[in-house]
Amino acid sequence: QLQLTESGGGSVLAGESLTLSCAASGTAFGINSMGWFRQSPGKTREMVAMVGGGAARYANSVKGRFTITRSLETMTVDLQMNNLKPEDTAVYYCKLSTLNAAEAWGPGTQITVSS
């Protein structure tokens, strides 16, 4: 069964950095895409950064501050977050899509940025 395990959340001050990591297990198929979404209270879940097909995409709000990296060999995806802002506060979710169109979400990890 496809499963995702997230780590790296926490509480920081504005301007500080955090790195989120996500590891996938339980799939015999290749990975199509992996990435990170986030959801704040009262808001819909939004894409933060995704990598697939050799290309990375970022939400406009995080461009230049966040960097996504992926390893197909270890089935991991990391999100380096620099210069964090209070508006980055949210629950961050890892998402994976496989080549056979299966999808999985991680349980979510809280990021809180205080001013």
N, C-alpha and C. Protein backbone atom coordinates (compact mmCIF):
# COMPACT_ATOMS: atom_id res chain seq x y z
N GLN A 1 0.84 -1.19 0.00
CA GLN A 1 0.00 0.00 0.00
C GLN A 1 0.88 1.24 0.00
N LEU A 2 0.55 2.15 -0.88
CA LEU A 2 1.33 3.37 -1.02
C LEU A 2 1.17 4.24 0.23
N GLN A 3 2.29 4.62 0.84
CA GLN A 3 2.27 5.44 2.04
C GLN A 3 3.33 6.53 1.96
N LEU A 4 3.01 7.67 2.57
CA LEU A 4 3.94 8.79 2.63
C LEU A 4 4.20 9.15 4.08
N THR A 5 5.46 9.40 4.40
CA THR A 5 5.85 9.80 5.74
C THR A 5 6.53 11.15 5.67
N GLU A 6 5.99 12.11 6.40
CA GLU A 6 6.51 13.47 6.39
C GLU A 6 7.29 13.76 7.67
N SER A 7 8.24 14.68 7.56
CA SER A 7 8.98 15.13 8.73
C SER A 7 9.49 16.54 8.48
N GLY A 8 9.83 17.23 9.57
CA GLY A 8 10.46 18.53 9.45
C GLY A 8 9.61 19.73 9.80
N GLY A 9 8.37 19.54 10.18
CA GLY A 9 7.54 20.68 10.54
C GLY A 9 7.97 21.28 11.88
N GLY A 10 7.36 22.43 12.20
CA GLY A 10 7.67 23.05 13.47
C GLY A 10 7.28 24.51 13.51
N SER A 11 7.79 25.19 14.53
CA SER A 11 7.50 26.61 14.73
C SER A 11 8.79 27.41 14.62
N VAL A 12 8.74 28.48 13.85
CA VAL A 12 9.92 29.31 13.65
C VAL A 12 9.50 30.78 13.66
N LEU A 13 10.49 31.65 13.70
CA LEU A 13 10.26 33.08 13.57
C LEU A 13 10.36 33.49 12.11
N ALA A 14 9.69 34.57 11.78
CA ALA A 14 9.76 35.09 10.42
C ALA A 14 11.21 35.31 10.01
N GLY A 15 11.53 34.92 8.79
CA GLY A 15 12.89 35.06 8.29
C GLY A 15 13.73 33.81 8.45
N GLU A 16 13.29 32.88 9.26
CA GLU A 16 14.04 31.65 9.47
C GLU A 16 13.70 30.62 8.39
N SER A 17 14.37 29.47 8.49
CA SER A 17 14.24 28.43 7.47
C SER A 17 13.82 27.10 8.08
N LEU A 18 13.19 26.28 7.27
CA LEU A 18 12.85 24.92 7.62
C LEU A 18 12.95 24.06 6.37
N THR A 19 13.17 22.77 6.59
CA THR A 19 13.15 21.81 5.49
C THR A 19 12.16 20.70 5.80
N LEU A 20 11.24 20.49 4.89
CA LEU A 20 10.30 19.38 4.99
C LEU A 20 10.80 18.22 4.15
N SER A 21 10.60 17.01 4.66
CA SER A 21 10.99 15.81 3.93
C SER A 21 9.81 14.86 3.86
N CYS A 22 9.74 14.15 2.75
CA CYS A 22 8.67 13.18 2.56
C CYS A 22 9.26 11.94 1.91
N ALA A 23 8.97 10.80 2.48
CA ALA A 23 9.46 9.53 1.94
C ALA A 23 8.28 8.65 1.57
N ALA A 24 8.34 8.05 0.40
CA ALA A 24 7.28 7.19 -0.09
C ALA A 24 7.69 5.73 0.04
N SER A 25 6.69 4.89 0.26
CA SER A 25 6.93 3.45 0.30
C SER A 25 5.69 2.72 -0.17
N GLY A 26 5.88 1.47 -0.57
CA GLY A 26 4.74 0.63 -0.88
C GLY A 26 4.25 0.66 -2.31
N THR A 27 5.05 1.21 -3.22
CA THR A 27 4.62 1.19 -4.61
C THR A 27 5.63 0.45 -5.47
N ALA A 28 5.12 -0.33 -6.38
CA ALA A 28 5.98 -1.06 -7.31
C ALA A 28 6.09 -0.32 -8.63
N PHE A 29 5.37 0.80 -8.75
CA PHE A 29 5.37 1.57 -9.98
C PHE A 29 6.24 2.80 -9.83
N GLY A 30 6.64 3.35 -10.95
CA GLY A 30 7.45 4.54 -10.92
C GLY A 30 6.65 5.76 -10.50
N ILE A 31 7.37 6.79 -10.15
CA ILE A 31 6.75 8.02 -9.69
C ILE A 31 6.54 8.97 -10.85
N ASN A 32 5.34 9.51 -10.94
CA ASN A 32 5.04 10.52 -11.94
C ASN A 32 5.38 11.91 -11.41
N SER A 33 4.89 12.22 -10.24
CA SER A 33 5.17 13.52 -9.65
C SER A 33 5.11 13.44 -8.12
N MET A 34 5.83 14.33 -7.49
CA MET A 34 5.77 14.46 -6.03
C MET A 34 5.80 15.94 -5.71
N GLY A 35 5.21 16.28 -4.61
CA GLY A 35 5.23 17.69 -4.24
C GLY A 35 4.57 17.98 -2.93
N TRP A 36 4.37 19.26 -2.69
CA TRP A 36 3.84 19.74 -1.43
C TRP A 36 2.67 20.69 -1.66
N PHE A 37 1.65 20.51 -0.84
CA PHE A 37 0.49 21.39 -0.79
C PHE A 37 0.40 21.93 0.63
N ARG A 38 -0.40 22.95 0.82
CA ARG A 38 -0.63 23.45 2.17
C ARG A 38 -2.07 23.94 2.31
N GLN A 39 -2.51 23.94 3.55
CA GLN A 39 -3.87 24.40 3.83
C GLN A 39 -3.88 25.15 5.15
N SER A 40 -4.40 26.37 5.10
CA SER A 40 -4.58 27.19 6.29
C SER A 40 -6.04 27.11 6.71
N PRO A 41 -6.33 27.41 7.98
CA PRO A 41 -7.73 27.36 8.44
C PRO A 41 -8.63 28.26 7.59
N GLY A 42 -9.73 27.71 7.13
CA GLY A 42 -10.68 28.48 6.36
C GLY A 42 -10.33 28.64 4.90
N LYS A 43 -9.22 28.07 4.48
CA LYS A 43 -8.79 28.19 3.09
C LYS A 43 -8.74 26.83 2.42
N THR A 44 -8.78 26.85 1.09
CA THR A 44 -8.67 25.59 0.36
C THR A 44 -7.20 25.17 0.26
N ARG A 45 -7.00 23.88 0.06
CA ARG A 45 -5.63 23.38 -0.06
C ARG A 45 -5.04 23.89 -1.37
N GLU A 46 -3.80 24.38 -1.29
CA GLU A 46 -3.17 24.94 -2.48
C GLU A 46 -1.82 24.28 -2.73
N MET A 47 -1.44 24.24 -4.00
CA MET A 47 -0.15 23.70 -4.39
C MET A 47 0.94 24.67 -3.97
N VAL A 48 1.98 24.15 -3.34
CA VAL A 48 3.14 24.97 -2.99
C VAL A 48 4.26 24.75 -3.99
N ALA A 49 4.60 23.48 -4.22
CA ALA A 49 5.67 23.15 -5.16
C ALA A 49 5.48 21.72 -5.60
N MET A 50 5.71 21.46 -6.88
CA MET A 50 5.58 20.13 -7.44
C MET A 50 6.74 19.88 -8.38
N VAL A 51 7.16 18.63 -8.50
CA VAL A 51 8.18 18.28 -9.47
C VAL A 51 7.74 17.00 -10.17
N GLY A 52 7.80 17.05 -11.48
CA GLY A 52 7.42 15.91 -12.30
C GLY A 52 7.83 16.15 -13.73
N GLY A 53 8.16 15.10 -14.44
CA GLY A 53 8.58 15.25 -15.83
C GLY A 53 9.82 16.08 -15.97
N GLY A 54 10.63 16.13 -14.93
CA GLY A 54 11.87 16.88 -14.99
C GLY A 54 11.73 18.36 -14.73
N ALA A 55 10.52 18.82 -14.41
CA ALA A 55 10.30 20.24 -14.20
C ALA A 55 9.70 20.48 -12.83
N ALA A 56 10.04 21.61 -12.25
CA ALA A 56 9.49 22.02 -10.96
C ALA A 56 8.55 23.21 -11.14
N ARG A 57 7.48 23.21 -10.40
CA ARG A 57 6.54 24.33 -10.42
C ARG A 57 6.35 24.83 -9.00
N TYR A 58 6.20 26.14 -8.88
CA TYR A 58 6.04 26.76 -7.58
C TYR A 58 4.84 27.71 -7.59
N ALA A 59 4.22 27.82 -6.43
CA ALA A 59 3.23 28.87 -6.26
C ALA A 59 3.94 30.21 -6.31
N ASN A 60 3.29 31.22 -6.86
CA ASN A 60 3.92 32.54 -6.98
C ASN A 60 4.36 33.06 -5.62
N SER A 61 3.61 32.72 -4.59
CA SER A 61 3.89 33.26 -3.26
C SER A 61 5.18 32.72 -2.64
N VAL A 62 5.72 31.63 -3.20
CA VAL A 62 6.92 31.03 -2.61
C VAL A 62 8.11 31.05 -3.55
N LYS A 63 7.92 31.50 -4.78
CA LYS A 63 9.03 31.55 -5.74
C LYS A 63 10.17 32.40 -5.18
N GLY A 64 11.37 31.85 -5.32
CA GLY A 64 12.55 32.55 -4.84
C GLY A 64 12.86 32.28 -3.37
N ARG A 65 11.92 31.68 -2.65
CA ARG A 65 12.14 31.38 -1.23
C ARG A 65 12.17 29.87 -0.96
N PHE A 66 11.38 29.11 -1.70
CA PHE A 66 11.28 27.67 -1.49
C PHE A 66 11.96 26.94 -2.65
N THR A 67 12.57 25.80 -2.34
CA THR A 67 13.18 24.96 -3.36
C THR A 67 12.78 23.52 -3.12
N ILE A 68 12.28 22.87 -4.17
CA ILE A 68 11.87 21.47 -4.08
C ILE A 68 12.91 20.60 -4.76
N THR A 69 13.24 19.49 -4.12
CA THR A 69 14.16 18.52 -4.70
C THR A 69 13.57 17.12 -4.53
N ARG A 70 13.84 16.28 -5.49
CA ARG A 70 13.26 14.94 -5.48
C ARG A 70 14.32 13.91 -5.84
N SER A 71 14.22 12.74 -5.21
CA SER A 71 15.07 11.62 -5.57
C SER A 71 14.18 10.46 -5.97
N LEU A 72 14.24 10.06 -7.23
CA LEU A 72 13.45 8.91 -7.67
C LEU A 72 14.01 7.61 -7.10
N GLU A 73 15.30 7.59 -6.86
CA GLU A 73 15.92 6.37 -6.34
C GLU A 73 15.45 6.06 -4.93
N THR A 74 15.38 7.09 -4.09
CA THR A 74 14.97 6.88 -2.71
C THR A 74 13.50 7.23 -2.49
N MET A 75 12.83 7.68 -3.55
CA MET A 75 11.41 8.08 -3.49
C MET A 75 11.17 9.07 -2.37
N THR A 76 11.96 10.12 -2.38
CA THR A 76 11.83 11.18 -1.38
C THR A 76 11.70 12.53 -2.08
N VAL A 77 11.05 13.43 -1.40
CA VAL A 77 10.95 14.80 -1.89
C VAL A 77 11.13 15.74 -0.70
N ASP A 78 11.99 16.73 -0.87
CA ASP A 78 12.27 17.70 0.18
C ASP A 78 11.83 19.09 -0.27
N LEU A 79 11.46 19.89 0.70
CA LEU A 79 11.10 21.28 0.43
C LEU A 79 11.92 22.16 1.36
N GLN A 80 12.88 22.85 0.80
CA GLN A 80 13.69 23.80 1.56
C GLN A 80 12.95 25.13 1.55
N MET A 81 12.63 25.64 2.73
CA MET A 81 11.86 26.86 2.85
C MET A 81 12.70 27.91 3.56
N ASN A 82 13.03 28.96 2.85
CA ASN A 82 13.82 30.05 3.39
C ASN A 82 12.99 31.31 3.55
N ASN A 83 13.46 32.20 4.39
CA ASN A 83 12.78 33.49 4.59
C ASN A 83 11.29 33.28 4.83
N LEU A 84 10.96 32.42 5.76
CA LEU A 84 9.56 32.12 6.03
C LEU A 84 8.82 33.34 6.54
N LYS A 85 7.55 33.42 6.16
CA LYS A 85 6.69 34.54 6.52
C LYS A 85 5.49 34.01 7.31
N PRO A 86 4.88 34.87 8.11
CA PRO A 86 3.68 34.42 8.86
C PRO A 86 2.61 33.84 7.96
N GLU A 87 2.49 34.34 6.75
CA GLU A 87 1.47 33.82 5.83
C GLU A 87 1.80 32.43 5.29
N ASP A 88 2.98 31.93 5.60
CA ASP A 88 3.32 30.55 5.24
C ASP A 88 2.78 29.56 6.27
N THR A 89 2.24 30.07 7.37
CA THR A 89 1.69 29.20 8.40
C THR A 89 0.56 28.36 7.83
N ALA A 90 0.66 27.05 7.98
CA ALA A 90 -0.34 26.14 7.41
C ALA A 90 0.04 24.71 7.79
N VAL A 91 -0.85 23.80 7.47
CA VAL A 91 -0.50 22.38 7.49
C VAL A 91 -0.02 22.02 6.09
N TYR A 92 1.16 21.44 6.02
CA TYR A 92 1.77 21.09 4.75
C TYR A 92 1.60 19.59 4.50
N TYR A 93 1.17 19.27 3.28
CA TYR A 93 0.91 17.89 2.90
C TYR A 93 1.80 17.48 1.73
N CYS A 94 2.38 16.32 1.83
CA CYS A 94 3.11 15.73 0.72
C CYS A 94 2.12 14.96 -0.16
N LYS A 95 2.33 15.03 -1.47
CA LYS A 95 1.49 14.30 -2.40
C LYS A 95 2.35 13.59 -3.42
N LEU A 96 1.95 12.37 -3.76
CA LEU A 96 2.67 11.59 -4.75
C LEU A 96 1.68 11.01 -5.76
N SER A 97 2.08 11.02 -7.01
CA SER A 97 1.31 10.36 -8.06
C SER A 97 2.23 9.37 -8.76
N THR A 98 1.74 8.16 -8.97
CA THR A 98 2.56 7.15 -9.62
C THR A 98 2.23 7.05 -11.10
N LEU A 99 3.05 6.30 -11.82
CA LEU A 99 2.86 6.15 -13.26
C LEU A 99 1.61 5.35 -13.60
N ASN A 100 1.07 4.62 -12.64
CA ASN A 100 -0.19 3.91 -12.89
C ASN A 100 -1.37 4.68 -12.32
N ALA A 101 -1.19 5.99 -12.14
CA ALA A 101 -2.25 6.92 -11.75
C ALA A 101 -2.74 6.78 -10.33
N ALA A 102 -2.02 6.08 -9.48
CA ALA A 102 -2.37 6.05 -8.06
C ALA A 102 -1.88 7.35 -7.41
N GLU A 103 -2.59 7.78 -6.39
CA GLU A 103 -2.20 8.99 -5.66
C GLU A 103 -2.22 8.71 -4.16
N ALA A 104 -1.37 9.44 -3.45
CA ALA A 104 -1.37 9.32 -2.00
C ALA A 104 -1.02 10.66 -1.40
N TRP A 105 -1.56 10.91 -0.23
CA TRP A 105 -1.29 12.11 0.54
C TRP A 105 -0.66 11.71 1.88
N GLY A 106 0.26 12.53 2.33
CA GLY A 106 0.78 12.35 3.67
C GLY A 106 -0.22 12.86 4.70
N PRO A 107 0.02 12.58 5.97
CA PRO A 107 -0.92 12.99 7.03
C PRO A 107 -0.89 14.48 7.32
N GLY A 108 0.14 15.17 6.87
CA GLY A 108 0.24 16.61 7.11
C GLY A 108 1.16 16.93 8.28
N THR A 109 1.87 18.04 8.14
CA THR A 109 2.75 18.51 9.20
C THR A 109 2.57 20.02 9.36
N GLN A 110 2.47 20.47 10.60
CA GLN A 110 2.18 21.88 10.87
C GLN A 110 3.43 22.73 10.79
N ILE A 111 3.32 23.84 10.09
CA ILE A 111 4.35 24.86 10.07
C ILE A 111 3.73 26.14 10.63
N THR A 112 4.34 26.70 11.65
CA THR A 112 3.86 27.95 12.24
C THR A 112 4.99 28.97 12.21
N VAL A 113 4.71 30.10 11.59
CA VAL A 113 5.71 31.17 11.48
C VAL A 113 5.19 32.38 12.24
N SER A 114 5.95 32.81 13.23
CA SER A 114 5.55 33.94 14.06
C SER A 114 6.36 35.18 13.68
N SER A 115 5.70 36.33 13.77
CA SER A 115 6.38 37.58 13.43
C SER A 115 7.13 38.13 14.62
